[in-house]
Amino acid sequence: MSRRSGVLEFAVLGLLHDAPMHGYELRKRLNVLLGSFRAFSYGTLYPCLKSLVAQGFLVEDNPDVEYVPATALNGKRSKIVYRLSPEGKERFEELLAESGPEAWEDEHFGVRFAFFGQTDRAVRMRVLEGRRSRLEERLERMRSSIARTRERFDDYTLELQRHGLESVEREVRWLNELIETERATRTGRNAASPSTSDGRGPADGSSDPPGPPYDRPGRS
């Protein structure tokens, strides 16, 4: 599976984890929630959906009704509604738990962050810290490149390089703030919640409190 199709699989499973929906609505949600998917066409989305159905991760309701693409003239909507199967829910949980280098890359990180509201706190921290580390490495390379090429490029090219550098620096500052928020939230919970004698968690067995306020947009 290609990297981009893997990102799409994760996003589709995540959105359908919230609620079943037909393909047209799913594509709209991808466009609104995940801006990086705006270039995806029906020709890309529907093979992904069919693949997930074939793997047993999705179930089609009304599968015998032929799909008619929506246009400004006919106003049609897909009659097929997609929902997660139990295996699909397990697959999404597996993907949520992944926190390795792939989750730190530009395309993957944005999608992973969109579903942070459903992600375990420890996994969120590993992804955020991994992303920060990856960007800090990128900053060093960019600074070194600007220093080496300063005399060879005109002012406009250098300005473009500085613009890229500042963009990465802003994201690193943003990540620092998110990481500090995660740590502060975790510390506050530990201070306020009594633990069992073996230190495994709250004595009443309650689960972690909701995540910080940057949970996935559009969720109430």
Protein backbone atom coordinates (compact mmCIF):
# COMPACT_ATOMS: atom_id res chain seq x y z
CA MET A 1 0.00 0.00 0.00
CA SER A 2 1.38 3.41 -0.95
CA ARG A 3 1.96 6.07 1.67
CA ARG A 4 -0.83 8.27 0.34
CA SER A 5 -3.35 5.43 0.16
CA GLY A 6 -2.40 4.52 3.74
CA VAL A 7 -3.21 8.06 4.84
CA LEU A 8 -6.55 7.90 3.06
CA GLU A 9 -7.38 4.55 4.67
CA PHE A 10 -6.70 5.98 8.12
CA ALA A 11 -8.81 9.08 7.45
CA VAL A 12 -11.74 7.09 6.06
CA LEU A 13 -11.76 4.66 8.99
CA GLY A 14 -11.50 7.57 11.42
CA LEU A 15 -14.41 9.49 9.96
CA LEU A 16 -16.60 6.40 9.74
CA HIS A 17 -15.70 5.59 13.33
CA ASP A 18 -17.80 8.64 14.27
CA ALA A 19 -20.83 7.65 12.20
CA PRO A 20 -21.79 5.78 9.01
CA MET A 21 -22.09 7.95 5.90
CA HIS A 22 -22.36 7.67 2.15
CA GLY A 23 -19.45 8.34 -0.17
CA TYR A 24 -20.47 11.87 -1.13
CA GLU A 25 -20.75 12.97 2.50
CA LEU A 26 -17.51 11.21 3.33
CA ARG A 27 -15.68 13.08 0.60
CA LYS A 28 -17.10 16.39 1.84
CA ARG A 29 -15.90 15.61 5.35
CA LEU A 30 -12.44 14.77 4.03
CA ASN A 31 -12.31 18.08 2.19
CA VAL A 32 -13.48 20.13 5.18
CA LEU A 33 -11.60 18.35 7.94
CA LEU A 34 -8.45 17.34 6.12
CA GLY A 35 -7.37 20.03 3.71
CA SER A 36 -4.58 17.89 2.28
CA PHE A 37 -7.24 15.65 0.73
CA ARG A 38 -8.77 18.37 -1.44
CA ALA A 39 -6.96 16.97 -4.47
CA PHE A 40 -8.51 13.53 -4.02
CA SER A 41 -11.14 12.68 -6.61
CA TYR A 42 -13.98 10.21 -6.54
CA GLY A 43 -11.70 8.04 -8.67
CA THR A 44 -9.29 7.81 -5.71
CA LEU A 45 -11.78 7.58 -2.87
CA TYR A 46 -14.07 4.88 -4.20
CA PRO A 47 -11.35 2.30 -4.94
CA CYS A 48 -10.19 2.86 -1.34
CA LEU A 49 -13.72 2.25 -0.05
CA LYS A 50 -14.09 -0.89 -2.16
CA SER A 51 -10.72 -2.15 -0.91
CA LEU A 52 -11.74 -1.60 2.70
CA VAL A 53 -15.00 -3.45 2.04
CA ALA A 54 -13.10 -6.34 0.46
CA GLN A 55 -10.81 -6.53 3.50
CA GLY A 56 -13.81 -6.69 5.79
CA PHE A 57 -13.17 -3.33 7.45
CA LEU A 58 -16.29 -1.65 6.01
CA VAL A 59 -19.83 -2.81 5.41
CA GLU A 60 -22.04 -1.46 2.61
CA ASP A 61 -25.70 -0.78 3.28
CA ASN A 62 -27.93 -0.81 0.18
CA PRO A 63 -25.08 -2.26 -1.93
CA ASP A 64 -27.39 -3.24 -4.79
CA VAL A 65 -28.38 0.35 -5.59
CA GLU A 66 -26.29 1.73 -8.42
CA TYR A 67 -24.28 4.84 -7.52
CA VAL A 68 -25.01 7.99 -9.54
CA PRO A 69 -22.37 10.74 -9.10
CA ALA A 70 -23.63 14.05 -7.76
CA THR A 71 -23.59 17.03 -10.10
CA ALA A 72 -24.95 20.54 -9.94
CA LEU A 73 -27.71 19.46 -12.31
CA ASN A 74 -28.97 16.12 -11.04
CA GLY A 75 -28.42 16.61 -7.30
CA LYS A 76 -27.96 12.85 -6.90
CA ARG A 77 -26.35 11.30 -3.86
CA SER A 78 -24.84 7.89 -3.33
CA LYS A 79 -27.37 5.40 -1.98
CA ILE A 80 -24.61 3.26 -0.49
CA VAL A 81 -23.88 3.99 3.15
CA TYR A 82 -20.54 2.82 4.55
CA ARG A 83 -20.07 1.82 8.17
CA LEU A 84 -17.27 0.22 10.14
CA SER A 85 -17.37 -3.49 10.81
CA PRO A 86 -15.99 -4.79 14.14
CA GLU A 87 -12.80 -5.60 12.24
CA GLY A 88 -12.72 -2.05 10.91
CA LYS A 89 -12.96 -0.66 14.42
CA GLU A 90 -10.08 -2.88 15.49
CA ARG A 91 -8.06 -1.75 12.47
CA PHE A 92 -8.64 1.91 13.32
CA GLU A 93 -7.58 1.31 16.92
CA GLU A 94 -4.39 -0.34 15.65
CA LEU A 95 -3.62 2.64 13.44
CA LEU A 96 -4.33 5.06 16.28
CA ALA A 97 -1.78 3.27 18.43
CA GLU A 98 1.02 3.65 15.89
CA SER A 99 3.54 6.35 16.79
CA GLY A 100 6.62 5.55 14.73
CA PRO A 101 8.54 7.74 12.26
CA GLU A 102 5.87 7.53 9.55
CA ALA A 103 3.45 9.38 11.86
CA TRP A 104 5.90 12.29 12.08
CA GLU A 105 6.03 12.98 8.33
CA ASP A 106 4.28 16.00 6.82
CA GLU A 107 1.33 14.20 5.23
CA HIS A 108 0.78 11.65 7.99
CA PHE A 109 1.14 14.03 10.92
CA GLY A 110 -1.69 16.31 9.84
CA VAL A 111 -4.08 13.38 9.55
CA ARG A 112 -2.94 11.84 12.82
CA PHE A 113 -3.41 15.17 14.59
CA ALA A 114 -6.95 15.43 13.24
CA PHE A 115 -7.82 12.33 15.28
CA PHE A 116 -5.89 13.19 18.44
CA GLY A 117 -9.18 13.42 20.34
CA GLN A 118 -9.46 9.63 20.01
CA THR A 119 -5.77 8.90 20.57
CA ASP A 120 -4.21 7.69 23.81
CA ARG A 121 -2.32 10.41 25.68
CA ALA A 122 0.98 8.52 25.65
CA VAL A 123 0.72 7.98 21.89
CA ARG A 124 -0.05 11.67 21.38
CA MET A 125 3.10 12.59 23.27
CA ARG A 126 5.27 10.22 21.23
CA VAL A 127 3.88 11.57 17.96
CA LEU A 128 4.29 15.20 19.02
CA GLU A 129 7.82 14.70 20.28
CA GLY A 130 8.75 12.69 17.20
CA ARG A 131 7.36 15.39 14.93
CA ARG A 132 9.29 18.07 16.83
CA SER A 133 12.49 16.07 16.57
CA ARG A 134 11.99 15.59 12.83
CA LEU A 135 11.43 19.33 12.31
CA GLU A 136 14.43 20.27 14.44
CA GLU A 137 16.55 18.11 12.15
CA ARG A 138 15.02 19.87 9.16
CA LEU A 139 15.78 23.26 10.68
CA GLU A 140 19.45 22.39 11.05
CA ARG A 141 19.65 21.36 7.40
CA MET A 142 17.84 24.48 6.24
CA ARG A 143 20.05 26.80 8.28
CA SER A 144 23.15 25.07 7.00
CA SER A 145 21.91 25.32 3.41
CA ILE A 146 21.17 29.05 3.73
CA ALA A 147 24.61 29.67 5.20
CA ARG A 148 26.32 27.80 2.35
CA THR A 149 24.35 29.35 -0.48
CA ARG A 150 23.97 32.91 0.76
CA GLU A 151 26.58 34.27 -1.65
CA ARG A 152 25.25 32.40 -4.69
CA PHE A 153 21.58 33.39 -4.65
CA ASP A 154 19.86 36.70 -5.20
CA ASP A 155 17.84 38.43 -2.50
CA TYR A 156 14.52 36.94 -3.63
CA THR A 157 15.74 33.36 -3.51
CA LEU A 158 17.22 33.95 -0.07
CA GLU A 159 13.97 35.53 1.08
CA LEU A 160 12.08 32.44 -0.08
CA GLN A 161 14.47 30.23 1.88
CA ARG A 162 14.05 32.38 4.97
CA HIS A 163 10.27 32.17 4.59
CA GLY A 164 10.48 28.38 4.59
CA LEU A 165 12.75 28.47 7.61
CA GLU A 166 10.38 30.71 9.54
CA SER A 167 7.45 28.40 8.74
CA VAL A 168 9.27 25.43 10.24
CA GLU A 169 10.33 27.49 13.26
CA ARG A 170 6.68 28.46 13.87
CA GLU A 171 5.60 24.84 13.79
CA VAL A 172 8.33 23.89 16.26
CA ARG A 173 7.11 26.61 18.64
CA TRP A 174 3.54 25.35 18.21
CA LEU A 175 4.64 21.80 18.96
CA ASN A 176 6.46 22.99 22.07
CA GLU A 177 3.24 24.56 23.30
CA LEU A 178 1.24 21.40 22.61
CA ILE A 179 3.77 19.21 24.39
CA GLU A 180 3.80 21.50 27.41
CA THR A 181 -0.01 21.42 27.48
CA GLU A 182 0.02 17.62 27.40
CA ARG A 183 2.53 17.48 30.23
CA ALA A 184 0.67 20.05 32.32
CA THR A 185 -2.64 18.25 31.82
CA ARG A 186 -1.11 14.92 32.81
CA THR A 187 0.59 16.43 35.85
CA GLY A 188 -2.62 18.14 36.96
CA ARG A 189 -4.56 14.90 36.66
CA ASN A 190 -2.01 12.98 38.70
CA ALA A 191 -2.02 15.60 41.42
CA ALA A 192 -5.81 15.68 41.65
CA SER A 193 -6.60 11.98 41.32
CA PRO A 194 -5.84 9.62 44.21
CA SER A 195 -4.00 6.47 43.16
CA THR A 196 -4.39 2.91 44.24
CA SER A 197 -1.81 1.48 46.56
CA ASP A 198 0.08 -0.06 43.63
CA GLY A 199 0.18 3.28 41.78
CA ARG A 200 -1.78 2.06 38.77
CA GLY A 201 -4.29 4.91 38.63
CA PRO A 202 -7.35 6.43 40.30
CA ALA A 203 -8.73 4.42 43.18
CA ASP A 204 -12.25 4.55 41.73
CA GLY A 205 -11.09 3.04 38.44
CA SER A 206 -12.18 6.06 36.41
CA SER A 207 -10.60 6.67 33.03
CA ASP A 208 -8.46 9.60 31.94
CA PRO A 209 -10.20 12.98 31.60
CA PRO A 210 -10.90 14.34 28.13
CA GLY A 211 -7.92 15.57 26.16
CA PRO A 212 -6.82 19.20 25.86
CA PRO A 213 -8.78 21.77 23.87
CA TYR A 214 -7.01 21.13 20.57
CA ASP A 215 -8.94 17.89 20.01
CA ARG A 216 -10.14 17.26 16.48
CA PRO A 217 -12.16 20.19 15.07
CA GLY A 218 -15.81 19.69 14.48
CA ARG A 219 -16.33 17.39 17.46
CA SER A 220 -18.53 18.52 20.33
